[in-house]
All heavy atoms as atom14 arrays in JSON, in Angstrom:
{
  "sequence": "TAGMLRLWTLKEAYTKALGQGLRLDFSSFGFATGSSGDT",
  "atom14_mask": [
    [1, 1, 1, 1, 1, 1, 1, 0, 0, 0, 0, 0, 0, 0],
    [1, 1, 1, 1, 1, 0, 0, 0, 0, 0, 0, 0, 0, 0],
    [1, 1, 1, 1, 0, 0, 0, 0, 0, 0, 0, 0, 0, 0],
    [1, 1, 1, 1, 1, 1, 1, 1, 0, 0, 0, 0, 0, 0],
    [1, 1, 1, 1, 1, 1, 1, 1, 0, 0, 0, 0, 0, 0],
    [1, 1, 1, 1, 1, 1, 1, 1, 1, 1, 1, 0, 0, 0],
    [1, 1, 1, 1, 1, 1, 1, 1, 0, 0, 0, 0, 0, 0],
    [1, 1, 1, 1, 1, 1, 1, 1, 1, 1, 1, 1, 1, 1],
    [1, 1, 1, 1, 1, 1, 1, 0, 0, 0, 0, 0, 0, 0],
    [1, 1, 1, 1, 1, 1, 1, 1, 0, 0, 0, 0, 0, 0],
    [1, 1, 1, 1, 1, 1, 1, 1, 1, 0, 0, 0, 0, 0],
    [1, 1, 1, 1, 1, 1, 1, 1, 1, 0, 0, 0, 0, 0],
    [1, 1, 1, 1, 1, 0, 0, 0, 0, 0, 0, 0, 0, 0],
    [1, 1, 1, 1, 1, 1, 1, 1, 1, 1, 1, 1, 0, 0],
    [1, 1, 1, 1, 1, 1, 1, 0, 0, 0, 0, 0, 0, 0],
    [1, 1, 1, 1, 1, 1, 1, 1, 1, 0, 0, 0, 0, 0],
    [1, 1, 1, 1, 1, 0, 0, 0, 0, 0, 0, 0, 0, 0],
    [1, 1, 1, 1, 1, 1, 1, 1, 0, 0, 0, 0, 0, 0],
    [1, 1, 1, 1, 0, 0, 0, 0, 0, 0, 0, 0, 0, 0],
    [1, 1, 1, 1, 1, 1, 1, 1, 1, 0, 0, 0, 0, 0],
    [1, 1, 1, 1, 0, 0, 0, 0, 0, 0, 0, 0, 0, 0],
    [1, 1, 1, 1, 1, 1, 1, 1, 0, 0, 0, 0, 0, 0],
    [1, 1, 1, 1, 1, 1, 1, 1, 1, 1, 1, 0, 0, 0],
    [1, 1, 1, 1, 1, 1, 1, 1, 0, 0, 0, 0, 0, 0],
    [1, 1, 1, 1, 1, 1, 1, 1, 0, 0, 0, 0, 0, 0],
    [1, 1, 1, 1, 1, 1, 1, 1, 1, 1, 1, 0, 0, 0],
    [1, 1, 1, 1, 1, 1, 0, 0, 0, 0, 0, 0, 0, 0],
    [1, 1, 1, 1, 1, 1, 0, 0, 0, 0, 0, 0, 0, 0],
    [1, 1, 1, 1, 1, 1, 1, 1, 1, 1, 1, 0, 0, 0],
    [1, 1, 1, 1, 0, 0, 0, 0, 0, 0, 0, 0, 0, 0],
    [1, 1, 1, 1, 1, 1, 1, 1, 1, 1, 1, 0, 0, 0],
    [1, 1, 1, 1, 1, 0, 0, 0, 0, 0, 0, 0, 0, 0],
    [1, 1, 1, 1, 1, 1, 1, 0, 0, 0, 0, 0, 0, 0],
    [1, 1, 1, 1, 0, 0, 0, 0, 0, 0, 0, 0, 0, 0],
    [1, 1, 1, 1, 1, 1, 0, 0, 0, 0, 0, 0, 0, 0],
    [1, 1, 1, 1, 1, 1, 0, 0, 0, 0, 0, 0, 0, 0],
    [1, 1, 1, 1, 0, 0, 0, 0, 0, 0, 0, 0, 0, 0],
    [1, 1, 1, 1, 1, 1, 1, 1, 0, 0, 0, 0, 0, 0],
    [1, 1, 1, 1, 1, 1, 1, 0, 0, 0, 0, 0, 0, 0]
  ],
  "atom14_positions": [
    [[-8.48, 3.38, 3.67], [-9.12, 2.48, 2.7], [-8.99, 3.02, 1.28], [-8.66, 2.27, 0.35], [-10.61, 2.3, 3.06], [-10.71, 1.73, 4.36], [-11.29, 1.39, 2.05], [0.0, 0.0, 0.0], [0.0, 0.0, 0.0], [0.0, 0.0, 0.0], [0.0, 0.0, 0.0], [0.0, 0.0, 0.0], [0.0, 0.0, 0.0], [0.0, 0.0, 0.0]],
    [[-9.23, 4.33, 1.1], [-9.1, 4.94, -0.23], [-7.66, 4.86, -0.72], [-7.4, 4.6, -1.9], [-9.58, 6.38, -0.19], [0.0, 0.0, 0.0], [0.0, 0.0, 0.0], [0.0, 0.0, 0.0], [0.0, 0.0, 0.0], [0.0, 0.0, 0.0], [0.0, 0.0, 0.0], [0.0, 0.0, 0.0], [0.0, 0.0, 0.0], [0.0, 0.0, 0.0]],
    [[-6.71, 5.09, 0.18], [-5.3, 5.01, -0.2], [-4.89, 3.61, -0.6], [-4.12, 3.42, -1.56], [0.0, 0.0, 0.0], [0.0, 0.0, 0.0], [0.0, 0.0, 0.0], [0.0, 0.0, 0.0], [0.0, 0.0, 0.0], [0.0, 0.0, 0.0], [0.0, 0.0, 0.0], [0.0, 0.0, 0.0], [0.0, 0.0, 0.0], [0.0, 0.0, 0.0]],
    [[-5.39, 2.6, 0.11], [-5.08, 1.21, -0.23], [-5.62, 0.85, -1.61], [-4.95, 0.19, -2.41], [-5.67, 0.27, 0.81], [-4.82, 0.1, 2.05], [-3.28, -0.83, 1.74], [-3.92, -2.49, 1.5], [0.0, 0.0, 0.0], [0.0, 0.0, 0.0], [0.0, 0.0, 0.0], [0.0, 0.0, 0.0], [0.0, 0.0, 0.0], [0.0, 0.0, 0.0]],
    [[-6.86, 1.3, -1.9], [-7.46, 0.97, -3.19], [-6.68, 1.63, -4.32], [-6.42, 0.99, -5.36], [-8.92, 1.42, -3.23], [-9.7, 1.02, -4.48], [-9.82, -0.49, -4.58], [-11.09, 1.65, -4.46], [0.0, 0.0, 0.0], [0.0, 0.0, 0.0], [0.0, 0.0, 0.0], [0.0, 0.0, 0.0], [0.0, 0.0, 0.0], [0.0, 0.0, 0.0]],
    [[-6.29, 2.87, -4.14], [-5.51, 3.56, -5.17], [-4.16, 2.87, -5.37], [-3.72, 2.66, -6.51], [-5.31, 5.02, -4.77], [-4.46, 5.82, -5.76], [-4.53, 7.3, -5.42], [-3.62, 8.07, -6.26], [-2.37, 8.35, -5.93], [-1.87, 7.9, -4.77], [-1.6, 9.07, -6.73], [0.0, 0.0, 0.0], [0.0, 0.0, 0.0], [0.0, 0.0, 0.0]],
    [[-3.48, 2.5, -4.28], [-2.21, 1.79, -4.39], [-2.38, 0.48, -5.16], [-1.55, 0.12, -6.01], [-1.64, 1.5, -3.0], [-0.92, 2.62, -2.27], [-0.43, 2.11, -0.91], [0.25, 3.14, -3.09], [0.0, 0.0, 0.0], [0.0, 0.0, 0.0], [0.0, 0.0, 0.0], [0.0, 0.0, 0.0], [0.0, 0.0, 0.0], [0.0, 0.0, 0.0]],
    [[-3.44, -0.25, -4.84], [-3.68, -1.55, -5.48], [-3.82, -1.38, -6.99], [-3.21, -2.12, -7.76], [-4.92, -2.2, -4.9], [-5.21, -3.54, -5.51], [-6.0, -3.78, -6.6], [-4.69, -4.8, -5.1], [-6.02, -5.12, -6.9], [-5.22, -5.78, -5.99], [-3.85, -5.21, -4.08], [-4.92, -7.13, -5.86], [-3.55, -6.56, -3.95], [-4.08, -7.51, -4.84]],
    [[-4.63, -0.41, -7.42], [-4.83, -0.24, -8.86], [-3.56, 0.25, -9.56], [-3.26, -0.17, -10.67], [-5.99, 0.73, -9.15], [-5.72, 2.01, -8.56], [-7.31, 0.2, -8.61], [0.0, 0.0, 0.0], [0.0, 0.0, 0.0], [0.0, 0.0, 0.0], [0.0, 0.0, 0.0], [0.0, 0.0, 0.0], [0.0, 0.0, 0.0], [0.0, 0.0, 0.0]],
    [[-2.8, 1.11, -8.9], [-1.54, 1.57, -9.49], [-0.55, 0.42, -9.63], [0.14, 0.28, -10.65], [-0.92, 2.68, -8.64], [-1.56, 4.07, -8.77], [-1.08, 4.98, -7.64], [-1.23, 4.68, -10.13], [0.0, 0.0, 0.0], [0.0, 0.0, 0.0], [0.0, 0.0, 0.0], [0.0, 0.0, 0.0], [0.0, 0.0, 0.0], [0.0, 0.0, 0.0]],
    [[-0.47, -0.42, -8.61], [0.49, -1.54, -8.65], [0.05, -2.58, -9.67], [0.89, -3.17, -10.36], [0.65, -2.14, -7.25], [1.31, -1.16, -6.29], [1.73, -1.79, -4.97], [2.45, -0.74, -4.1], [3.21, -1.33, -3.0], [0.0, 0.0, 0.0], [0.0, 0.0, 0.0], [0.0, 0.0, 0.0], [0.0, 0.0, 0.0], [0.0, 0.0, 0.0]],
    [[-1.26, -2.81, -9.77], [-1.75, -3.71, -10.82], [-1.42, -3.16, -12.2], [-0.97, -3.9, -13.09], [-3.28, -3.88, -10.68], [-3.7, -4.85, -9.59], [-3.92, -6.25, -10.14], [-3.3, -6.6, -11.16], [-4.71, -6.98, -9.54], [0.0, 0.0, 0.0], [0.0, 0.0, 0.0], [0.0, 0.0, 0.0], [0.0, 0.0, 0.0], [0.0, 0.0, 0.0]],
    [[-1.65, -1.86, -12.41], [-1.38, -1.26, -13.72], [0.11, -1.37, -14.06], [0.48, -1.71, -15.19], [-1.83, 0.2, -13.72], [0.0, 0.0, 0.0], [0.0, 0.0, 0.0], [0.0, 0.0, 0.0], [0.0, 0.0, 0.0], [0.0, 0.0, 0.0], [0.0, 0.0, 0.0], [0.0, 0.0, 0.0], [0.0, 0.0, 0.0], [0.0, 0.0, 0.0]],
    [[0.98, -1.08, -13.1], [2.43, -1.12, -13.33], [2.89, -2.54, -13.65], [3.64, -2.76, -14.61], [3.14, -0.59, -12.1], [4.65, -0.67, -12.17], [5.37, -0.04, -13.18], [5.37, -1.38, -11.2], [6.76, -0.11, -13.23], [6.75, -1.45, -11.24], [7.43, -0.82, -12.26], [8.81, -0.9, -12.31], [0.0, 0.0, 0.0], [0.0, 0.0, 0.0]],
    [[2.44, -3.53, -12.88], [2.89, -4.9, -13.12], [2.3, -5.46, -14.41], [2.93, -6.29, -15.08], [2.55, -5.82, -11.93], [1.15, -5.77, -11.66], [3.31, -5.38, -10.7], [0.0, 0.0, 0.0], [0.0, 0.0, 0.0], [0.0, 0.0, 0.0], [0.0, 0.0, 0.0], [0.0, 0.0, 0.0], [0.0, 0.0, 0.0], [0.0, 0.0, 0.0]],
    [[1.1, -5.01, -14.79], [0.55, -5.41, -16.09], [1.38, -4.83, -17.22], [1.63, -5.49, -18.24], [-0.9, -4.96, -16.23], [-1.89, -5.8, -15.41], [-3.3, -5.27, -15.59], [-4.3, -6.08, -14.79], [-5.68, -5.58, -14.96], [0.0, 0.0, 0.0], [0.0, 0.0, 0.0], [0.0, 0.0, 0.0], [0.0, 0.0, 0.0], [0.0, 0.0, 0.0]],
    [[1.81, -3.58, -17.06], [2.66, -2.97, -18.09], [3.96, -3.75, -18.25], [4.47, -3.91, -19.36], [2.96, -1.51, -17.73], [0.0, 0.0, 0.0], [0.0, 0.0, 0.0], [0.0, 0.0, 0.0], [0.0, 0.0, 0.0], [0.0, 0.0, 0.0], [0.0, 0.0, 0.0], [0.0, 0.0, 0.0], [0.0, 0.0, 0.0], [0.0, 0.0, 0.0]],
    [[4.49, -4.27, -17.14], [5.71, -5.07, -17.19], [5.47, -6.49, -17.7], [6.42, -7.22, -17.98], [6.34, -5.15, -15.8], [6.86, -3.84, -15.2], [7.36, -4.08, -13.78], [7.97, -3.25, -16.07], [0.0, 0.0, 0.0], [0.0, 0.0, 0.0], [0.0, 0.0, 0.0], [0.0, 0.0, 0.0], [0.0, 0.0, 0.0], [0.0, 0.0, 0.0]],
    [[4.19, -6.88, -17.78], [3.87, -8.24, -18.19], [3.99, -9.25, -17.07], [4.07, -10.46, -17.31], [0.0, 0.0, 0.0], [0.0, 0.0, 0.0], [0.0, 0.0, 0.0], [0.0, 0.0, 0.0], [0.0, 0.0, 0.0], [0.0, 0.0, 0.0], [0.0, 0.0, 0.0], [0.0, 0.0, 0.0], [0.0, 0.0, 0.0], [0.0, 0.0, 0.0]],
    [[3.98, -8.79, -15.81], [4.17, -9.67, -14.66], [2.89, -9.94, -13.88], [2.73, -11.0, -13.3], [5.21, -9.06, -13.72], [6.6, -8.97, -14.31], [7.18, -10.33, -14.62], [7.15, -11.24, -13.8], [7.68, -10.47, -15.84], [0.0, 0.0, 0.0], [0.0, 0.0, 0.0], [0.0, 0.0, 0.0], [0.0, 0.0, 0.0], [0.0, 0.0, 0.0]],
    [[2.0, -8.96, -13.83], [0.77, -9.14, -13.06], [1.07, -9.41, -11.6], [2.01, -8.84, -11.02], [0.0, 0.0, 0.0], [0.0, 0.0, 0.0], [0.0, 0.0, 0.0], [0.0, 0.0, 0.0], [0.0, 0.0, 0.0], [0.0, 0.0, 0.0], [0.0, 0.0, 0.0], [0.0, 0.0, 0.0], [0.0, 0.0, 0.0], [0.0, 0.0, 0.0]],
    [[0.31, -10.31, -10.98], [0.47, -10.59, -9.55], [1.72, -11.39, -9.24], [2.01, -11.67, -8.07], [-0.77, -11.34, -9.04], [-2.08, -10.53, -9.07], [-3.26, -11.42, -8.68], [-2.0, -9.33, -8.16], [0.0, 0.0, 0.0], [0.0, 0.0, 0.0], [0.0, 0.0, 0.0], [0.0, 0.0, 0.0], [0.0, 0.0, 0.0], [0.0, 0.0, 0.0]],
    [[2.49, -11.77, -10.26], [3.73, -12.51, -10.01], [4.8, -11.63, -9.39], [5.74, -12.13, -8.78], [4.25, -13.13, -11.32], [3.35, -14.2, -11.91], [4.01, -14.88, -13.1], [4.21, -13.97, -14.2], [3.29, -13.7, -15.12], [2.09, -14.25, -15.03], [3.54, -12.88, -16.12], [0.0, 0.0, 0.0], [0.0, 0.0, 0.0], [0.0, 0.0, 0.0]],
    [[4.69, -10.32, -9.54], [5.67, -9.39, -8.98], [5.25, -8.99, -7.56], [4.09, -8.69, -7.32], [5.78, -8.15, -9.86], [6.93, -7.18, -9.57], [8.27, -7.88, -9.79], [6.82, -5.96, -10.48], [0.0, 0.0, 0.0], [0.0, 0.0, 0.0], [0.0, 0.0, 0.0], [0.0, 0.0, 0.0], [0.0, 0.0, 0.0], [0.0, 0.0, 0.0]],
    [[6.21, -9.03, -6.64], [5.94, -8.7, -5.24], [5.53, -7.23, -5.11], [6.32, -6.33, -5.37], [7.21, -8.98, -4.43], [7.02, -8.7, -2.94], [5.9, -8.35, -2.53], [8.01, -8.83, -2.2], [0.0, 0.0, 0.0], [0.0, 0.0, 0.0], [0.0, 0.0, 0.0], [0.0, 0.0, 0.0], [0.0, 0.0, 0.0], [0.0, 0.0, 0.0]],
    [[4.29, -6.99, -4.7], [3.77, -5.62, -4.6], [4.49, -4.8, -3.53], [4.46, -3.57, -3.58], [2.27, -5.64, -4.3], [1.4, -5.8, -5.51], [1.93, -6.26, -6.72], [0.06, -5.49, -5.46], [1.12, -6.4, -7.84], [-0.76, -5.62, -6.58], [-0.22, -6.08, -7.77], [0.0, 0.0, 0.0], [0.0, 0.0, 0.0], [0.0, 0.0, 0.0]],
    [[5.11, -5.45, -2.55], [5.79, -4.71, -1.5], [7.22, -4.31, -1.89], [7.92, -3.68, -1.11], [5.84, -5.53, -0.21], [6.63, -6.71, -0.38], [0.0, 0.0, 0.0], [0.0, 0.0, 0.0], [0.0, 0.0, 0.0], [0.0, 0.0, 0.0], [0.0, 0.0, 0.0], [0.0, 0.0, 0.0], [0.0, 0.0, 0.0], [0.0, 0.0, 0.0]],
    [[7.64, -4.64, -3.11], [9.0, -4.33, -3.55], [9.11, -3.01, -4.28], [10.19, -2.58, -4.66], [9.54, -5.46, -4.45], [8.79, -5.53, -5.66], [0.0, 0.0, 0.0], [0.0, 0.0, 0.0], [0.0, 0.0, 0.0], [0.0, 0.0, 0.0], [0.0, 0.0, 0.0], [0.0, 0.0, 0.0], [0.0, 0.0, 0.0], [0.0, 0.0, 0.0]],
    [[7.98, -2.31, -4.49], [7.97, -1.0, -5.13], [6.77, -0.23, -4.6], [5.81, -0.82, -4.12], [7.89, -1.12, -6.66], [6.65, -1.81, -7.15], [5.53, -1.09, -7.54], [6.58, -3.2, -7.2], [4.38, -1.72, -7.97], [5.43, -3.85, -7.64], [4.33, -3.11, -8.03], [0.0, 0.0, 0.0], [0.0, 0.0, 0.0], [0.0, 0.0, 0.0]],
    [[6.83, 1.09, -4.7], [5.77, 1.86, -4.07], [5.36, 3.09, -4.84], [5.93, 3.45, -5.87], [0.0, 0.0, 0.0], [0.0, 0.0, 0.0], [0.0, 0.0, 0.0], [0.0, 0.0, 0.0], [0.0, 0.0, 0.0], [0.0, 0.0, 0.0], [0.0, 0.0, 0.0], [0.0, 0.0, 0.0], [0.0, 0.0, 0.0], [0.0, 0.0, 0.0]],
    [[4.32, 3.75, -4.29], [3.78, 5.0, -4.82], [3.41, 5.91, -3.67], [3.36, 5.48, -2.5], [2.54, 4.72, -5.68], [2.79, 3.88, -6.89], [2.54, 2.52, -6.88], [3.31, 4.45, -8.04], [2.78, 1.74, -8.0], [3.56, 3.68, -9.17], [3.29, 2.33, -9.15], [0.0, 0.0, 0.0], [0.0, 0.0, 0.0], [0.0, 0.0, 0.0]],
    [[3.1, 7.17, -3.99], [2.55, 8.06, -2.98], [1.22, 7.49, -2.51], [0.48, 6.87, -3.28], [2.37, 9.46, -3.55], [0.0, 0.0, 0.0], [0.0, 0.0, 0.0], [0.0, 0.0, 0.0], [0.0, 0.0, 0.0], [0.0, 0.0, 0.0], [0.0, 0.0, 0.0], [0.0, 0.0, 0.0], [0.0, 0.0, 0.0], [0.0, 0.0, 0.0]],
    [[0.89, 7.68, -1.23], [-0.24, 6.95, -0.64], [-1.52, 7.76, -0.53], [-2.49, 7.29, 0.07], [0.15, 6.46, 0.77], [0.66, 7.57, 1.52], [1.2, 5.37, 0.68], [0.0, 0.0, 0.0], [0.0, 0.0, 0.0], [0.0, 0.0, 0.0], [0.0, 0.0, 0.0], [0.0, 0.0, 0.0], [0.0, 0.0, 0.0], [0.0, 0.0, 0.0]],
    [[-1.58, 8.96, -1.08], [-2.82, 9.73, -1.03], [-3.91, 9.08, -1.84], [-3.66, 8.2, -2.67], [0.0, 0.0, 0.0], [0.0, 0.0, 0.0], [0.0, 0.0, 0.0], [0.0, 0.0, 0.0], [0.0, 0.0, 0.0], [0.0, 0.0, 0.0], [0.0, 0.0, 0.0], [0.0, 0.0, 0.0], [0.0, 0.0, 0.0], [0.0, 0.0, 0.0]],
    [[-5.14, 9.51, -1.61], [-6.27, 8.93, -2.35], [-6.42, 9.53, -3.74], [-7.21, 9.08, -4.54], [-7.58, 9.15, -1.57], [-7.81, 10.53, -1.38], [0.0, 0.0, 0.0], [0.0, 0.0, 0.0], [0.0, 0.0, 0.0], [0.0, 0.0, 0.0], [0.0, 0.0, 0.0], [0.0, 0.0, 0.0], [0.0, 0.0, 0.0], [0.0, 0.0, 0.0]],
    [[-5.64, 10.6, -4.03], [-5.67, 11.2, -5.35], [-4.36, 11.92, -5.58], [-3.5, 12.0, -4.7], [-6.84, 12.18, -5.47], [-6.69, 13.23, -4.53], [0.0, 0.0, 0.0], [0.0, 0.0, 0.0], [0.0, 0.0, 0.0], [0.0, 0.0, 0.0], [0.0, 0.0, 0.0], [0.0, 0.0, 0.0], [0.0, 0.0, 0.0], [0.0, 0.0, 0.0]],
    [[-4.19, 12.48, -6.76], [-2.98, 13.25, -7.05], [-1.98, 12.46, -7.87], [-2.15, 11.27, -8.14], [0.0, 0.0, 0.0], [0.0, 0.0, 0.0], [0.0, 0.0, 0.0], [0.0, 0.0, 0.0], [0.0, 0.0, 0.0], [0.0, 0.0, 0.0], [0.0, 0.0, 0.0], [0.0, 0.0, 0.0], [0.0, 0.0, 0.0], [0.0, 0.0, 0.0]],
    [[-0.91, 13.15, -8.26], [0.11, 12.54, -9.09], [1.05, 11.7, -8.24], [1.21, 11.92, -7.04], [0.91, 13.63, -9.82], [0.02, 14.61, -10.55], [-0.92, 14.13, -11.23], [0.25, 15.82, -10.43], [0.0, 0.0, 0.0], [0.0, 0.0, 0.0], [0.0, 0.0, 0.0], [0.0, 0.0, 0.0], [0.0, 0.0, 0.0], [0.0, 0.0, 0.0]],
    [[1.71, 10.76, -8.86], [2.65, 9.93, -8.15], [3.74, 9.47, -9.09], [3.54, 9.39, -10.3], [1.97, 8.71, -7.5], [2.94, 8.0, -6.7], [1.4, 7.77, -8.55], [0.0, 0.0, 0.0], [0.0, 0.0, 0.0], [0.0, 0.0, 0.0], [0.0, 0.0, 0.0], [0.0, 0.0, 0.0], [0.0, 0.0, 0.0], [0.0, 0.0, 0.0]]
  ]
}
């Protein structure tokens, strides 16, 4: 659950930076899945 929440916020932040938001497929890019740490 903690890993999913961290992934969600990272993917939201990345797609907002691109100006795409939820329009970009979240399953098309990824991050490390730990609940903390660098990625």
